[in-house]
């Protein structure tokens, strides 16, 4: 028996059962769910930071999936999230120019 105690994607229990194994699951209440989403976000970011080559896109997809779940939990649609992202990008720019701010003088 291996103990995970972590949030997993929705189809993982079915995948485990289809492989002939058994698992115990719990459906989280909203307050625990958002805590676990936040924890999962950091887990996925750590996995992205350790990824290389072709693994990177999969790890980034996992980060985005968690971001979408967090947004949905807060009642924010993916369309709204993307609209706000675009507005901020148009107003303040993105991160394509690789600018590192060192100091601001007053």
Protein backbone atom coordinates (compact mmCIF):
# COMPACT_ATOMS: atom_id res chain seq x y z
CA UNK A 1 0.00 0.00 0.00
CA UNK A 2 1.28 3.47 -0.91
CA UNK A 3 -0.15 6.55 0.84
CA UNK A 4 -0.52 9.71 -1.27
CA UNK A 5 -2.80 12.09 0.66
CA UNK A 6 -2.96 14.59 -2.20
CA UNK A 7 -5.38 16.10 -4.67
CA UNK A 8 -5.49 14.18 -7.96
CA UNK A 9 -7.16 14.61 -11.33
CA UNK A 10 -10.78 13.46 -11.59
CA UNK A 11 -10.13 10.28 -13.60
CA UNK A 12 -7.30 8.91 -11.45
CA UNK A 13 -9.53 6.63 -9.30
CA UNK A 14 -11.01 5.02 -12.45
CA UNK A 15 -7.54 4.60 -13.94
CA UNK A 16 -6.33 2.93 -10.73
CA UNK A 17 -9.36 0.62 -10.64
CA UNK A 18 -8.96 -0.26 -14.34
CA UNK A 19 -5.38 -1.34 -13.60
CA UNK A 20 -6.71 -3.89 -11.11
CA UNK A 21 -5.74 -1.91 -8.02
CA UNK A 22 -8.02 -0.43 -5.39
CA UNK A 23 -7.90 3.01 -3.80
CA UNK A 24 -9.57 5.02 -1.07
CA UNK A 25 -10.74 8.53 -1.92
CA UNK A 26 -12.47 11.39 -0.15
CA UNK A 27 -14.54 14.18 -1.73
CA UNK A 28 -13.27 17.39 -0.16
CA UNK A 29 -15.35 20.19 1.26
CA UNK A 30 -14.76 23.62 -0.33
CA UNK A 31 -12.43 24.90 2.40
CA UNK A 32 -10.19 21.82 2.18
CA UNK A 33 -10.42 21.78 -1.62
CA UNK A 34 -8.95 25.28 -2.03
CA UNK A 35 -6.17 24.45 0.45
CA UNK A 36 -5.32 21.34 -1.53
CA UNK A 37 -5.48 23.24 -4.84
CA UNK A 38 -3.01 25.78 -3.45
CA UNK A 39 -0.72 22.97 -2.28
CA UNK A 40 -1.05 21.22 -5.65
CA UNK A 41 -0.11 24.44 -7.46
CA UNK A 42 3.23 24.55 -5.66
CA UNK A 43 3.76 20.83 -6.30
CA UNK A 44 3.16 21.32 -10.03
CA UNK A 45 5.41 24.41 -10.14
CA UNK A 46 8.19 22.39 -8.51
CA UNK A 47 7.71 19.64 -11.09
CA UNK A 48 7.86 22.23 -13.90
CA UNK A 49 11.11 23.65 -12.49
CA UNK A 50 12.67 20.17 -12.53
CA UNK A 51 11.36 19.28 -16.01
CA UNK A 52 13.51 19.29 -19.12
CA UNK A 53 12.92 18.99 -22.84
CA UNK A 54 9.55 17.63 -23.86
CA UNK A 55 8.45 17.22 -20.22
CA UNK A 56 8.15 21.00 -19.87
CA UNK A 57 4.94 21.34 -21.89
CA UNK A 58 3.21 18.65 -19.84
CA UNK A 59 4.22 20.24 -16.57
CA UNK A 60 3.09 23.68 -17.77
CA UNK A 61 -0.25 22.13 -18.79
CA UNK A 62 -0.60 20.78 -15.24
CA UNK A 63 0.09 24.24 -13.78
CA UNK A 64 -2.53 25.79 -16.08
CA UNK A 65 -5.07 23.09 -15.15
CA UNK A 66 -4.61 23.92 -11.47
CA UNK A 67 -4.89 27.67 -12.19
CA UNK A 68 -8.16 27.02 -14.07
CA UNK A 69 -9.50 24.95 -11.13
CA UNK A 70 -8.58 27.69 -8.64
CA UNK A 71 -10.27 30.32 -10.84
CA UNK A 72 -13.40 28.16 -11.18
CA UNK A 73 -13.47 27.63 -7.40
CA UNK A 74 -13.56 31.42 -6.98
CA UNK A 75 -16.33 31.73 -9.58
CA UNK A 76 -14.02 33.08 -12.29
CA UNK A 77 -14.50 31.66 -15.77
CA UNK A 78 -11.56 30.81 -18.00
CA UNK A 79 -12.80 33.48 -20.42
CA UNK A 80 -12.82 36.11 -17.68
CA UNK A 81 -9.38 35.03 -16.49
CA UNK A 82 -7.99 35.27 -20.00
CA UNK A 83 -9.70 38.65 -20.62
CA UNK A 84 -8.14 40.12 -17.46
CA UNK A 85 -4.77 38.62 -18.41
CA UNK A 86 -5.01 40.24 -21.86
CA UNK A 87 -6.07 43.60 -20.38
CA UNK A 88 -3.13 43.57 -17.97
CA UNK A 89 -0.80 42.57 -20.78
CA UNK A 90 -2.06 45.37 -22.99
CA UNK A 91 -1.80 47.93 -20.19
CA UNK A 92 1.42 46.87 -18.48
CA UNK A 93 2.99 44.50 -21.01
CA UNK A 94 3.88 40.86 -20.69
CA UNK A 95 7.23 39.30 -19.88
CA UNK A 96 8.60 38.76 -23.39
CA UNK A 97 11.26 41.49 -23.17
CA UNK A 98 12.94 39.79 -20.18
CA UNK A 99 13.19 43.06 -18.22
CA UNK A 100 14.73 42.78 -14.75
CA UNK A 101 14.09 45.92 -12.68
CA UNK A 102 17.02 46.69 -10.42
CA UNK A 103 16.30 50.10 -8.90
CA UNK A 104 13.92 53.04 -9.05
CA UNK A 105 15.33 56.42 -8.05
CA UNK A 106 13.17 59.05 -6.40
